[in-house]
PDB file of all heavy atoms in Angstrom:
ATOM      1  N   LEU A   1      -0.996  -0.865 -12.635  1.00  0.00           N
ATOM      2  CA  LEU A   1      -0.298   0.126 -13.491  1.00  0.00           C
ATOM      3  C   LEU A   1       1.197  -0.092 -13.483  1.00  0.00           C
ATOM      4  O   LEU A   1       1.858   0.079 -14.526  1.00  0.00           O
ATOM      5  CB  LEU A   1      -0.625   1.545 -12.977  1.00  0.00           C
ATOM      6  CG  LEU A   1      -2.063   2.019 -13.173  1.00  0.00           C
ATOM      7  CD1 LEU A   1      -2.238   3.433 -12.595  1.00  0.00           C
ATOM      8  CD2 LEU A   1      -2.467   2.005 -14.629  1.00  0.00           C
ATOM      9  N   ALA A   2       1.768  -0.478 -12.343  1.00  0.00           N
ATOM     10  CA  ALA A   2       3.195  -0.768 -12.285  1.00  0.00           C
ATOM     11  C   ALA A   2       3.549  -1.961 -13.152  1.00  0.00           C
ATOM     12  O   ALA A   2       4.576  -1.960 -13.844  1.00  0.00           O
ATOM     13  CB  ALA A   2       3.621  -0.999 -10.830  1.00  0.00           C
ATOM     14  N   LYS A   3       2.726  -2.999 -13.142  1.00  0.00           N
ATOM     15  CA  LYS A   3       2.967  -4.199 -13.928  1.00  0.00           C
ATOM     16  C   LYS A   3       3.002  -3.887 -15.419  1.00  0.00           C
ATOM     17  O   LYS A   3       3.773  -4.491 -16.197  1.00  0.00           O
ATOM     18  CB  LYS A   3       1.896  -5.248 -13.624  1.00  0.00           C
ATOM     19  CG  LYS A   3       2.143  -6.595 -14.281  1.00  0.00           C
ATOM     20  CD  LYS A   3       1.095  -7.617 -13.834  1.00  0.00           C
ATOM     21  CE  LYS A   3       1.359  -8.971 -14.458  1.00  0.00           C
ATOM     22  NZ  LYS A   3       0.325  -9.977 -14.028  1.00  0.00           N
ATOM     23  N   LYS A   4       2.193  -2.919 -15.837  1.00  0.00           N
ATOM     24  CA  LYS A   4       2.136  -2.522 -17.246  1.00  0.00           C
ATOM     25  C   LYS A   4       3.176  -1.455 -17.613  1.00  0.00           C
ATOM     26  O   LYS A   4       3.242  -1.025 -18.777  1.00  0.00           O
ATOM     27  CB  LYS A   4       0.740  -2.029 -17.573  1.00  0.00           C
ATOM     28  CG  LYS A   4      -0.338  -3.109 -17.471  1.00  0.00           C
ATOM     29  CD  LYS A   4      -1.723  -2.550 -17.734  1.00  0.00           C
ATOM     30  CE  LYS A   4      -2.797  -3.635 -17.620  1.00  0.00           C
ATOM     31  NZ  LYS A   4      -4.160  -3.093 -17.822  1.00  0.00           N
ATOM     32  N   GLY A   5       3.949  -0.988 -16.633  1.00  0.00           N
ATOM     33  CA  GLY A   5       4.995  -0.038 -16.914  1.00  0.00           C
ATOM     34  C   GLY A   5       4.553   1.408 -16.960  1.00  0.00           C
ATOM     35  O   GLY A   5       5.299   2.284 -17.408  1.00  0.00           O
ATOM     36  N   PHE A   6       3.335   1.695 -16.475  1.00  0.00           N
ATOM     37  CA  PHE A   6       2.815   3.065 -16.525  1.00  0.00           C
ATOM     38  C   PHE A   6       3.337   3.940 -15.383  1.00  0.00           C
ATOM     39  O   PHE A   6       3.276   5.169 -15.473  1.00  0.00           O
ATOM     40  CB  PHE A   6       1.297   3.066 -16.514  1.00  0.00           C
ATOM     41  CG  PHE A   6       0.657   2.536 -17.771  1.00  0.00           C
ATOM     42  CD1 PHE A   6      -0.228   1.483 -17.725  1.00  0.00           C
ATOM     43  CD2 PHE A   6       0.951   3.082 -18.989  1.00  0.00           C
ATOM     44  CE1 PHE A   6      -0.824   0.996 -18.873  1.00  0.00           C
ATOM     45  CE2 PHE A   6       0.370   2.608 -20.157  1.00  0.00           C
ATOM     46  CZ  PHE A   6      -0.519   1.551 -20.094  1.00  0.00           C
ATOM     47  N   VAL A   7       3.804   3.304 -14.311  1.00  0.00           N
ATOM     48  CA  VAL A   7       4.343   4.038 -13.158  1.00  0.00           C
ATOM     49  C   VAL A   7       5.631   3.357 -12.727  1.00  0.00           C
ATOM     50  O   VAL A   7       5.841   2.184 -13.004  1.00  0.00           O
ATOM     51  CB  VAL A   7       3.325   4.085 -11.991  1.00  0.00           C
ATOM     52  CG1 VAL A   7       2.039   4.783 -12.387  1.00  0.00           C
ATOM     53  CG2 VAL A   7       3.049   2.696 -11.438  1.00  0.00           C
ATOM     54  N   PRO A   8       6.512   4.088 -12.034  1.00  0.00           N
ATOM     55  CA  PRO A   8       7.775   3.475 -11.585  1.00  0.00           C
ATOM     56  C   PRO A   8       7.533   2.323 -10.627  1.00  0.00           C
ATOM     57  O   PRO A   8       6.609   2.329  -9.818  1.00  0.00           O
ATOM     58  CB  PRO A   8       8.490   4.626 -10.882  1.00  0.00           C
ATOM     59  CG  PRO A   8       7.933   5.860 -11.495  1.00  0.00           C
ATOM     60  CD  PRO A   8       6.490   5.545 -11.753  1.00  0.00           C
ATOM     61  N   ALA A   9       8.428   1.337 -10.705  1.00  0.00           N
ATOM     62  CA  ALA A   9       8.325   0.161  -9.833  1.00  0.00           C
ATOM     63  C   ALA A   9       9.721  -0.333  -9.464  1.00  0.00           C
ATOM     64  O   ALA A   9      10.711   0.131 -10.017  1.00  0.00           O
ATOM     65  CB  ALA A   9       7.542  -0.938 -10.537  1.00  0.00           C
ATOM     66  N   ASP A  10       9.739  -1.222  -8.515  1.00  0.00           N
ATOM     67  CA  ASP A  10      10.963  -1.994  -8.170  1.00  0.00           C
ATOM     68  C   ASP A  10      12.111  -1.119  -7.727  1.00  0.00           C
ATOM     69  O   ASP A  10      13.016  -0.822  -8.513  1.00  0.00           O
ATOM     70  CB  ASP A  10      11.379  -2.862  -9.352  1.00  0.00           C
ATOM     71  CG  ASP A  10      12.415  -3.891  -8.957  1.00  0.00           C
ATOM     72  OD1 ASP A  10      12.411  -4.334  -7.812  1.00  0.00           O
ATOM     73  OD2 ASP A  10      13.239  -4.264  -9.831  1.00  0.00           O
ATOM     74  N   PRO A  11      12.211  -0.761  -6.448  1.00  0.00           N
ATOM     75  CA  PRO A  11      11.215  -1.053  -5.420  1.00  0.00           C
ATOM     76  C   PRO A  11      10.199   0.057  -5.275  1.00  0.00           C
ATOM     77  O   PRO A  11      10.472   1.197  -5.664  1.00  0.00           O
ATOM     78  CB  PRO A  11      12.068  -1.168  -4.145  1.00  0.00           C
ATOM     79  CG  PRO A  11      13.196  -0.203  -4.401  1.00  0.00           C
ATOM     80  CD  PRO A  11      13.465  -0.258  -5.882  1.00  0.00           C
ATOM     81  N   MET A  12       9.037  -0.255  -4.727  1.00  0.00           N
ATOM     82  CA  MET A  12       7.962   0.711  -4.541  1.00  0.00           C
ATOM     83  C   MET A  12       7.889   1.122  -3.079  1.00  0.00           C
ATOM     84  O   MET A  12       8.122   0.309  -2.176  1.00  0.00           O
ATOM     85  CB  MET A  12       6.631   0.127  -5.013  1.00  0.00           C
ATOM     86  CG  MET A  12       6.622  -0.302  -6.467  1.00  0.00           C
ATOM     87  SD  MET A  12       5.121  -1.163  -6.991  1.00  0.00           S
ATOM     88  CE  MET A  12       3.989   0.230  -7.185  1.00  0.00           C
ATOM     89  N   GLN A  13       7.525   2.385  -2.852  1.00  0.00           N
ATOM     90  CA  GLN A  13       7.280   2.905  -1.510  1.00  0.00           C
ATOM     91  C   GLN A  13       5.828   3.308  -1.401  1.00  0.00           C
ATOM     92  O   GLN A  13       5.329   4.108  -2.208  1.00  0.00           O
ATOM     93  CB  GLN A  13       8.188   4.086  -1.206  1.00  0.00           C
ATOM     94  CG  GLN A  13       7.729   5.059  -0.129  1.00  0.00           C
ATOM     95  CD  GLN A  13       7.639   4.459   1.277  1.00  0.00           C
ATOM     96  OE1 GLN A  13       8.149   3.362   1.536  1.00  0.00           O
ATOM     97  NE2 GLN A  13       7.017   5.161   2.198  1.00  0.00           N
ATOM     98  N   PHE A  14       5.125   2.730  -0.407  1.00  0.00           N
ATOM     99  CA  PHE A  14       3.714   2.994  -0.199  1.00  0.00           C
ATOM    100  C   PHE A  14       3.504   3.797   1.088  1.00  0.00           C
ATOM    101  O   PHE A  14       4.210   3.606   2.070  1.00  0.00           O
ATOM    102  CB  PHE A  14       2.939   1.695  -0.099  1.00  0.00           C
ATOM    103  CG  PHE A  14       2.996   0.833  -1.309  1.00  0.00           C
ATOM    104  CD1 PHE A  14       3.992  -0.134  -1.440  1.00  0.00           C
ATOM    105  CD2 PHE A  14       2.083   0.967  -2.346  1.00  0.00           C
ATOM    106  CE1 PHE A  14       4.082  -0.922  -2.567  1.00  0.00           C
ATOM    107  CE2 PHE A  14       2.146   0.181  -3.468  1.00  0.00           C
ATOM    108  CZ  PHE A  14       3.153  -0.765  -3.583  1.00  0.00           C
ATOM    109  N   ASN A  15       2.489   4.657   1.068  1.00  0.00           N
ATOM    110  CA  ASN A  15       1.982   5.281   2.288  1.00  0.00           C
ATOM    111  C   ASN A  15       0.523   4.943   2.425  1.00  0.00           C
ATOM    112  O   ASN A  15      -0.303   5.326   1.572  1.00  0.00           O
ATOM    113  CB  ASN A  15       2.166   6.802   2.261  1.00  0.00           C
ATOM    114  CG  ASN A  15       1.637   7.478   3.512  1.00  0.00           C
ATOM    115  OD1 ASN A  15       1.661   6.889   4.585  1.00  0.00           O
ATOM    116  ND2 ASN A  15       1.119   8.676   3.374  1.00  0.00           N
ATOM    117  N   PHE A  16       0.207   4.194   3.474  1.00  0.00           N
ATOM    118  CA  PHE A  16      -1.187   3.771   3.709  1.00  0.00           C
ATOM    119  C   PHE A  16      -1.834   4.785   4.636  1.00  0.00           C
ATOM    120  O   PHE A  16      -1.487   4.857   5.828  1.00  0.00           O
ATOM    121  CB  PHE A  16      -1.233   2.356   4.300  1.00  0.00           C
ATOM    122  CG  PHE A  16      -0.595   1.332   3.400  1.00  0.00           C
ATOM    123  CD1 PHE A  16       0.420   0.502   3.863  1.00  0.00           C
ATOM    124  CD2 PHE A  16      -0.988   1.214   2.076  1.00  0.00           C
ATOM    125  CE1 PHE A  16       1.000  -0.433   3.023  1.00  0.00           C
ATOM    126  CE2 PHE A  16      -0.421   0.278   1.229  1.00  0.00           C
ATOM    127  CZ  PHE A  16       0.583  -0.559   1.698  1.00  0.00           C
ATOM    128  N   VAL A  17      -2.730   5.592   4.073  1.00  0.00           N
ATOM    129  CA  VAL A  17      -3.397   6.656   4.815  1.00  0.00           C
ATOM    130  C   VAL A  17      -4.734   6.123   5.294  1.00  0.00           C
ATOM    131  O   VAL A  17      -5.664   5.944   4.511  1.00  0.00           O
ATOM    132  CB  VAL A  17      -3.579   7.913   3.944  1.00  0.00           C
ATOM    133  CG1 VAL A  17      -4.161   9.047   4.770  1.00  0.00           C
ATOM    134  CG2 VAL A  17      -2.254   8.341   3.321  1.00  0.00           C
ATOM    135  N   LEU A  18      -4.843   5.872   6.597  1.00  0.00           N
ATOM    136  CA  LEU A  18      -6.008   5.204   7.145  1.00  0.00           C
ATOM    137  C   LEU A  18      -6.753   6.126   8.118  1.00  0.00           C
ATOM    138  O   LEU A  18      -6.141   6.843   8.903  1.00  0.00           O
ATOM    139  CB  LEU A  18      -5.592   3.935   7.884  1.00  0.00           C
ATOM    140  CG  LEU A  18      -4.826   2.909   7.010  1.00  0.00           C
ATOM    141  CD1 LEU A  18      -4.408   1.702   7.846  1.00  0.00           C
ATOM    142  CD2 LEU A  18      -5.640   2.481   5.800  1.00  0.00           C
ATOM    143  N   GLY A  19      -8.076   6.111   8.003  1.00  0.00           N
ATOM    144  CA  GLY A  19      -8.906   6.874   8.924  1.00  0.00           C
ATOM    145  C   GLY A  19      -9.502   8.134   8.358  1.00  0.00           C
ATOM    146  O   GLY A  19     -10.191   8.857   9.084  1.00  0.00           O
ATOM    147  N   VAL A  20      -9.251   8.430   7.069  1.00  0.00           N
ATOM    148  CA  VAL A  20      -9.970   9.546   6.422  1.00  0.00           C
ATOM    149  C   VAL A  20     -11.437   9.182   6.368  1.00  0.00           C
ATOM    150  O   VAL A  20     -11.813   8.094   5.977  1.00  0.00           O
ATOM    151  CB  VAL A  20      -9.427   9.793   5.000  1.00  0.00           C
ATOM    152  CG1 VAL A  20     -10.288  10.827   4.284  1.00  0.00           C
ATOM    153  CG2 VAL A  20      -7.972  10.247   5.047  1.00  0.00           C
ATOM    154  N   PHE A  21     -12.317  10.121   6.779  1.00  0.00           N
ATOM    155  CA  PHE A  21     -13.753   9.832   6.762  1.00  0.00           C
ATOM    156  C   PHE A  21     -14.220   9.568   5.323  1.00  0.00           C
ATOM    157  O   PHE A  21     -14.017  10.393   4.442  1.00  0.00           O
ATOM    158  CB  PHE A  21     -14.533  10.996   7.364  1.00  0.00           C
ATOM    159  CG  PHE A  21     -16.016  10.772   7.400  1.00  0.00           C
ATOM    160  CD1 PHE A  21     -16.551   9.794   8.208  1.00  0.00           C
ATOM    161  CD2 PHE A  21     -16.877  11.524   6.605  1.00  0.00           C
ATOM    162  CE1 PHE A  21     -17.927   9.572   8.238  1.00  0.00           C
ATOM    163  CE2 PHE A  21     -18.240  11.321   6.636  1.00  0.00           C
ATOM    164  CZ  PHE A  21     -18.765  10.335   7.439  1.00  0.00           C
ATOM    165  N   GLY A  22     -14.782   8.403   5.087  1.00  0.00           N
ATOM    166  CA  GLY A  22     -15.209   8.006   3.772  1.00  0.00           C
ATOM    167  C   GLY A  22     -14.265   7.030   3.098  1.00  0.00           C
ATOM    168  O   GLY A  22     -14.565   6.492   2.029  1.00  0.00           O
ATOM    169  N   CYS A  23     -13.106   6.789   3.718  1.00  0.00           N
ATOM    170  CA  CYS A  23     -12.107   5.865   3.154  1.00  0.00           C
ATOM    171  C   CYS A  23     -11.889   4.696   4.122  1.00  0.00           C
ATOM    172  O   CYS A  23     -12.667   4.482   5.032  1.00  0.00           O
ATOM    173  CB  CYS A  23     -10.806   6.605   2.888  1.00  0.00           C
ATOM    174  SG  CYS A  23     -10.950   7.949   1.684  1.00  0.00           S
ATOM    175  N   THR A  24     -10.811   3.930   3.914  1.00  0.00           N
ATOM    176  CA  THR A  24     -10.577   2.735   4.730  1.00  0.00           C
ATOM    177  C   THR A  24     -10.313   3.095   6.193  1.00  0.00           C
ATOM    178  O   THR A  24      -9.483   3.954   6.485  1.00  0.00           O
ATOM    179  CB  THR A  24      -9.366   1.964   4.167  1.00  0.00           C
ATOM    180  OG1 THR A  24      -9.663   1.512   2.856  1.00  0.00           O
ATOM    181  CG2 THR A  24      -9.017   0.766   5.034  1.00  0.00           C
ATOM    182  N   PRO A  25     -11.025   2.460   7.119  1.00  0.00           N
ATOM    183  CA  PRO A  25     -10.830   2.755   8.539  1.00  0.00           C
ATOM    184  C   PRO A  25      -9.431   2.387   9.023  1.00  0.00           C
ATOM    185  O   PRO A  25      -8.761   1.503   8.469  1.00  0.00           O
ATOM    186  CB  PRO A  25     -11.893   1.850   9.227  1.00  0.00           C
ATOM    187  CG  PRO A  25     -12.899   1.601   8.181  1.00  0.00           C
ATOM    188  CD  PRO A  25     -12.158   1.528   6.887  1.00  0.00           C
ATOM    189  N   ALA A  26      -8.997   3.092  10.066  1.00  0.00           N
ATOM    190  CA  ALA A  26      -7.670   2.892  10.643  1.00  0.00           C
ATOM    191  C   ALA A  26      -7.733   1.766  11.664  1.00  0.00           C
ATOM    192  O   ALA A  26      -7.939   1.987  12.867  1.00  0.00           O
ATOM    193  CB  ALA A  26      -7.168   4.176  11.278  1.00  0.00           C
ATOM    194  N   THR A  27      -7.528   0.533  11.196  1.00  0.00           N
ATOM    195  CA  THR A  27      -7.477  -0.612  12.070  1.00  0.00           C
ATOM    196  C   THR A  27      -6.233  -1.436  11.752  1.00  0.00           C
ATOM    197  O   THR A  27      -5.723  -1.408  10.613  1.00  0.00           O
ATOM    198  CB  THR A  27      -8.711  -1.529  11.911  1.00  0.00           C
ATOM    199  OG1 THR A  27      -8.677  -2.148  10.627  1.00  0.00           O
ATOM    200  CG2 THR A  27     -10.004  -0.750  12.098  1.00  0.00           C
ATOM    201  N   VAL A  28      -5.760  -2.172  12.727  1.00  0.00           N
ATOM    202  CA  VAL A  28      -4.574  -3.021  12.492  1.00  0.00           C
ATOM    203  C   VAL A  28      -4.872  -4.110  11.462  1.00  0.00           C
ATOM    204  O   VAL A  28      -4.043  -4.364  10.587  1.00  0.00           O
ATOM    205  CB  VAL A  28      -4.074  -3.607  13.822  1.00  0.00           C
ATOM    206  CG1 VAL A  28      -2.983  -4.658  13.583  1.00  0.00           C
ATOM    207  CG2 VAL A  28      -3.538  -2.483  14.722  1.00  0.00           C
ATOM    208  N   PRO A  29      -6.053  -4.779  11.493  1.00  0.00           N
ATOM    209  CA  PRO A  29      -6.324  -5.763  10.422  1.00  0.00           C
ATOM    210  C   PRO A  29      -6.281  -5.160   9.018  1.00  0.00           C
ATOM    211  O   PRO A  29      -5.778  -5.808   8.087  1.00  0.00           O
ATOM    212  CB  PRO A  29      -7.723  -6.281  10.781  1.00  0.00           C
ATOM    213  CG  PRO A  29      -7.804  -6.130  12.246  1.00  0.00           C
ATOM    214  CD  PRO A  29      -7.079  -4.846  12.553  1.00  0.00           C
ATOM    215  N   ASN A  30      -6.809  -3.945   8.846  1.00  0.00           N
ATOM    216  CA  ASN A  30      -6.742  -3.313   7.532  1.00  0.00           C
ATOM    217  C   ASN A  30      -5.309  -3.003   7.119  1.00  0.00           C
ATOM    218  O   ASN A  30      -4.925  -3.201   5.958  1.00  0.00           O
ATOM    219  CB  ASN A  30      -7.576  -2.017   7.499  1.00  0.00           C
ATOM    220  CG  ASN A  30      -9.058  -2.278   7.504  1.00  0.00           C
ATOM    221  OD1 ASN A  30      -9.494  -3.386   7.192  1.00  0.00           O
ATOM    222  ND2 ASN A  30      -9.845  -1.284   7.834  1.00  0.00           N
ATOM    223  N   LEU A  31      -4.507  -2.533   8.064  1.00  0.00           N
ATOM    224  CA  LEU A  31      -3.100  -2.287   7.780  1.00  0.00           C
ATOM    225  C   LEU A  31      -2.395  -3.584   7.402  1.00  0.00           C
ATOM    226  O   LEU A  31      -1.609  -3.619   6.448  1.00  0.00           O
ATOM    227  CB  LEU A  31      -2.417  -1.623   8.978  1.00  0.00           C
ATOM    228  CG  LEU A  31      -0.917  -1.343   8.823  1.00  0.00           C
ATOM    229  CD1 LEU A  31      -0.642  -0.422   7.646  1.00  0.00           C
ATOM    230  CD2 LEU A  31      -0.362  -0.754  10.138  1.00  0.00           C
ATOM    231  N   CYS A  32      -2.657  -4.641   8.153  1.00  0.00           N
ATOM    232  CA  CYS A  32      -2.022  -5.926   7.852  1.00  0.00           C
ATOM    233  C   CYS A  32      -2.402  -6.413   6.459  1.00  0.00           C
ATOM    234  O   CYS A  32      -1.553  -6.951   5.715  1.00  0.00           O
ATOM    235  CB  CYS A  32      -2.417  -6.970   8.895  1.00  0.00           C
ATOM    236  SG  CYS A  32      -1.705  -6.713  10.529  1.00  0.00           S
ATOM    237  N   TRP A  33      -3.676  -6.265   6.068  1.00  0.00           N
ATOM    238  CA  TRP A  33      -4.091  -6.694   4.721  1.00  0.00           C
ATOM    239  C   TRP A  33      -3.279  -5.949   3.665  1.00  0.00           C
ATOM    240  O   TRP A  33      -2.809  -6.561   2.702  1.00  0.00           O
ATOM    241  CB  TRP A  33      -5.580  -6.426   4.506  1.00  0.00           C
ATOM    242  CG  TRP A  33      -6.101  -6.971   3.214  1.00  0.00           C
ATOM    243  CD1 TRP A  33      -6.671  -8.184   2.983  1.00  0.00           C
ATOM    244  CD2 TRP A  33      -6.078  -6.311   1.934  1.00  0.00           C
ATOM    245  NE1 TRP A  33      -6.983  -8.323   1.666  1.00  0.00           N
ATOM    246  CE2 TRP A  33      -6.635  -7.195   0.992  1.00  0.00           C
ATOM    247  CE3 TRP A  33      -5.628  -5.052   1.500  1.00  0.00           C
ATOM    248  CZ2 TRP A  33      -6.782  -6.859  -0.348  1.00  0.00           C
ATOM    249  CZ3 TRP A  33      -5.748  -4.715   0.160  1.00  0.00           C
ATOM    250  CH2 TRP A  33      -6.328  -5.630  -0.758  1.00  0.00           C
ATOM    251  N   LEU A  34      -3.124  -4.635   3.817  1.00  0.00           N
ATOM    252  CA  LEU A  34      -2.379  -3.862   2.846  1.00  0.00           C
ATOM    253  C   LEU A  34      -0.925  -4.272   2.778  1.00  0.00           C
ATOM    254  O   LEU A  34      -0.371  -4.522   1.699  1.00  0.00           O
ATOM    255  CB  LEU A  34      -2.503  -2.374   3.194  1.00  0.00           C
ATOM    256  CG  LEU A  34      -3.865  -1.743   2.954  1.00  0.00           C
ATOM    257  CD1 LEU A  34      -4.049  -0.470   3.766  1.00  0.00           C
ATOM    258  CD2 LEU A  34      -4.080  -1.465   1.456  1.00  0.00           C
ATOM    259  N   VAL A  35      -0.298  -4.396   3.954  1.00  0.00           N
ATOM    260  CA  VAL A  35       1.124  -4.766   3.993  1.00  0.00           C
ATOM    261  C   VAL A  35       1.360  -6.136   3.405  1.00  0.00           C
ATOM    262  O   VAL A  35       2.367  -6.389   2.706  1.00  0.00           O
ATOM    263  CB  VAL A  35       1.643  -4.684   5.453  1.00  0.00           C
ATOM    264  CG1 VAL A  35       3.056  -5.241   5.553  1.00  0.00           C
ATOM    265  CG2 VAL A  35       1.604  -3.236   5.938  1.00  0.00           C
ATOM    266  N   ASN A  36       0.435  -7.059   3.619  1.00  0.00           N
ATOM    267  CA  ASN A  36       0.587  -8.430   3.133  1.00  0.00           C
ATOM    268  C   ASN A  36       0.405  -8.546   1.633  1.00  0.00           C
ATOM    269  O   ASN A  36       0.677  -9.624   1.061  1.00  0.00           O
ATOM    270  CB  ASN A  36      -0.409  -9.366   3.831  1.00  0.00           C
ATOM    271  CG  ASN A  36      -0.031  -9.617   5.277  1.00  0.00           C
ATOM    272  OD1 ASN A  36       1.129  -9.490   5.664  1.00  0.00           O
ATOM    273  ND2 ASN A  36      -1.003  -9.993   6.090  1.00  0.00           N
ATOM    274  N   ASN A  37      -0.030  -7.476   0.968  1.00  0.00           N
ATOM    275  CA  ASN A  37      -0.305  -7.537  -0.457  1.00  0.00           C
ATOM    276  C   ASN A  37       0.591  -6.633  -1.296  1.00  0.00           C
ATOM    277  O   ASN A  37       0.308  -6.425  -2.497  1.00  0.00           O
ATOM    278  CB  ASN A  37      -1.781  -7.209  -0.725  1.00  0.00           C
ATOM    279  CG  ASN A  37      -2.691  -8.367  -0.360  1.00  0.00           C
ATOM    280  OD1 ASN A  37      -2.841  -9.323  -1.113  1.00  0.00           O
ATOM    281  ND2 ASN A  37      -3.278  -8.297   0.829  1.00  0.00           N
ATOM    282  N   ILE A  38       1.687  -6.126  -0.723  1.00  0.00           N
ATOM    283  CA  ILE A  38       2.637  -5.356  -1.498  1.00  0.00           C
ATOM    284  C   ILE A  38       3.785  -6.257  -1.957  1.00  0.00           C
ATOM    285  O   ILE A  38       4.025  -7.311  -1.361  1.00  0.00           O
ATOM    286  CB  ILE A  38       3.160  -4.141  -0.705  1.00  0.00           C
ATOM    287  CG1 ILE A  38       3.913  -4.589   0.576  1.00  0.00           C
ATOM    288  CG2 ILE A  38       2.027  -3.205  -0.366  1.00  0.00           C
ATOM    289  CD1 ILE A  38       4.508  -3.440   1.368  1.00  0.00           C
ATOM    290  N   PRO A  39       4.481  -5.878  -3.026  1.00  0.00           N
ATOM    291  CA  PRO A  39       5.619  -6.677  -3.492  1.00  0.00           C
ATOM    292  C   PRO A  39       6.656  -6.846  -2.395  1.00  0.00           C
ATOM    293  O   PRO A  39       6.870  -5.973  -1.538  1.00  0.00           O
ATOM    294  CB  PRO A  39       6.174  -5.848  -4.650  1.00  0.00           C
ATOM    295  CG  PRO A  39       4.996  -5.079  -5.160  1.00  0.00           C
ATOM    296  CD  PRO A  39       4.193  -4.743  -3.938  1.00  0.00           C
ATOM    297  N   ALA A  40       7.349  -7.959  -2.445  1.00  0.00           N
ATOM    298  CA  ALA A  40       8.258  -8.346  -1.352  1.00  0.00           C
ATOM    299  C   ALA A  40       9.365  -7.353  -1.101  1.00  0.00           C
ATOM    300  O   ALA A  40       9.831  -7.198   0.045  1.00  0.00           O
ATOM    301  CB  ALA A  40       8.834  -9.725  -1.653  1.00  0.00           C
ATOM    302  N   ASN A  41       9.828  -6.645  -2.118  1.00  0.00           N
ATOM    303  CA  ASN A  41      10.950  -5.732  -1.945  1.00  0.00           C
ATOM    304  C   ASN A  41      10.512  -4.295  -1.689  1.00  0.00           C
ATOM    305  O   ASN A  41      11.317  -3.367  -1.765  1.00  0.00           O
ATOM    306  CB  ASN A  41      11.874  -5.771  -3.162  1.00  0.00           C
ATOM    307  CG  ASN A  41      11.166  -5.344  -4.440  1.00  0.00           C
ATOM    308  OD1 ASN A  41       9.948  -5.293  -4.491  1.00  0.00           O
ATOM    309  ND2 ASN A  41      11.917  -5.047  -5.473  1.00  0.00           N
ATOM    310  N   SER A  42       9.234  -4.096  -1.378  1.00  0.00           N
ATOM    311  CA  SER A  42       8.697  -2.766  -1.163  1.00  0.00           C
ATOM    312  C   SER A  42       8.973  -2.266   0.241  1.00  0.00           C
ATOM    313  O   SER A  42       9.290  -3.038   1.151  1.00  0.00           O
ATOM    314  CB  SER A  42       7.171  -2.766  -1.374  1.00  0.00           C
ATOM    315  OG  SER A  42       6.832  -3.209  -2.659  1.00  0.00           O
ATOM    316  N   THR A  43       8.860  -0.941   0.407  1.00  0.00           N
ATOM    317  CA  THR A  43       8.866  -0.318   1.732  1.00  0.00           C
ATOM    318  C   THR A  43       7.504   0.363   1.932  1.00  0.00           C
ATOM    319  O   THR A  43       6.808   0.646   0.960  1.00  0.00           O
ATOM    320  CB  THR A  43       9.981   0.722   1.852  1.00  0.00           C
ATOM    321  OG1 THR A  43       9.903   1.645   0.747  1.00  0.00           O
ATOM    322  CG2 THR A  43      11.347   0.061   1.854  1.00  0.00           C
ATOM    323  N   TRP A  44       7.163   0.589   3.195  1.00  0.00           N
ATOM    324  CA  TRP A  44       5.837   1.182   3.457  1.00  0.00           C
ATOM    325  C   TRP A  44       5.851   2.053   4.694  1.00  0.00           C
ATOM    326  O   TRP A  44       6.666   1.866   5.586  1.00  0.00           O
ATOM    327  CB  TRP A  44       4.757   0.106   3.559  1.00  0.00           C
ATOM    328  CG  TRP A  44       4.965  -0.891   4.676  1.00  0.00           C
ATOM    329  CD1 TRP A  44       5.696  -2.043   4.616  1.00  0.00           C
ATOM    330  CD2 TRP A  44       4.414  -0.818   5.994  1.00  0.00           C
ATOM    331  NE1 TRP A  44       5.635  -2.698   5.828  1.00  0.00           N
ATOM    332  CE2 TRP A  44       4.850  -1.972   6.693  1.00  0.00           C
ATOM    333  CE3 TRP A  44       3.597   0.096   6.661  1.00  0.00           C
ATOM    334  CZ2 TRP A  44       4.507  -2.226   8.020  1.00  0.00           C
ATOM    335  CZ3 TRP A  44       3.238  -0.159   8.000  1.00  0.00           C
ATOM    336  CH2 TRP A  44       3.689  -1.315   8.644  1.00  0.00           C
ATOM    337  N   THR A  45       4.919   2.970   4.691  1.00  0.00           N
ATOM    338  CA  THR A  45       4.685   3.906   5.779  1.00  0.00           C
ATOM    339  C   THR A  45       3.200   3.877   6.118  1.00  0.00           C
ATOM    340  O   THR A  45       2.374   3.629   5.226  1.00  0.00           O
ATOM    341  CB  THR A  45       5.092   5.341   5.333  1.00  0.00           C
ATOM    342  OG1 THR A  45       6.484   5.348   5.056  1.00  0.00           O
ATOM    343  CG2 THR A  45       4.751   6.385   6.386  1.00  0.00           C
TER     344      THR A  45
END
């Protein structure tokens, strides 16, 4: 959506919410996968 201009971008701030029952488990490998796939100038929580 950001690439198509539908949402604000550059730089982006992400919050990775891990461990909600039914969603992505809270593990370091899962966090690393997410962090490794965000744009280079992004920030994350």
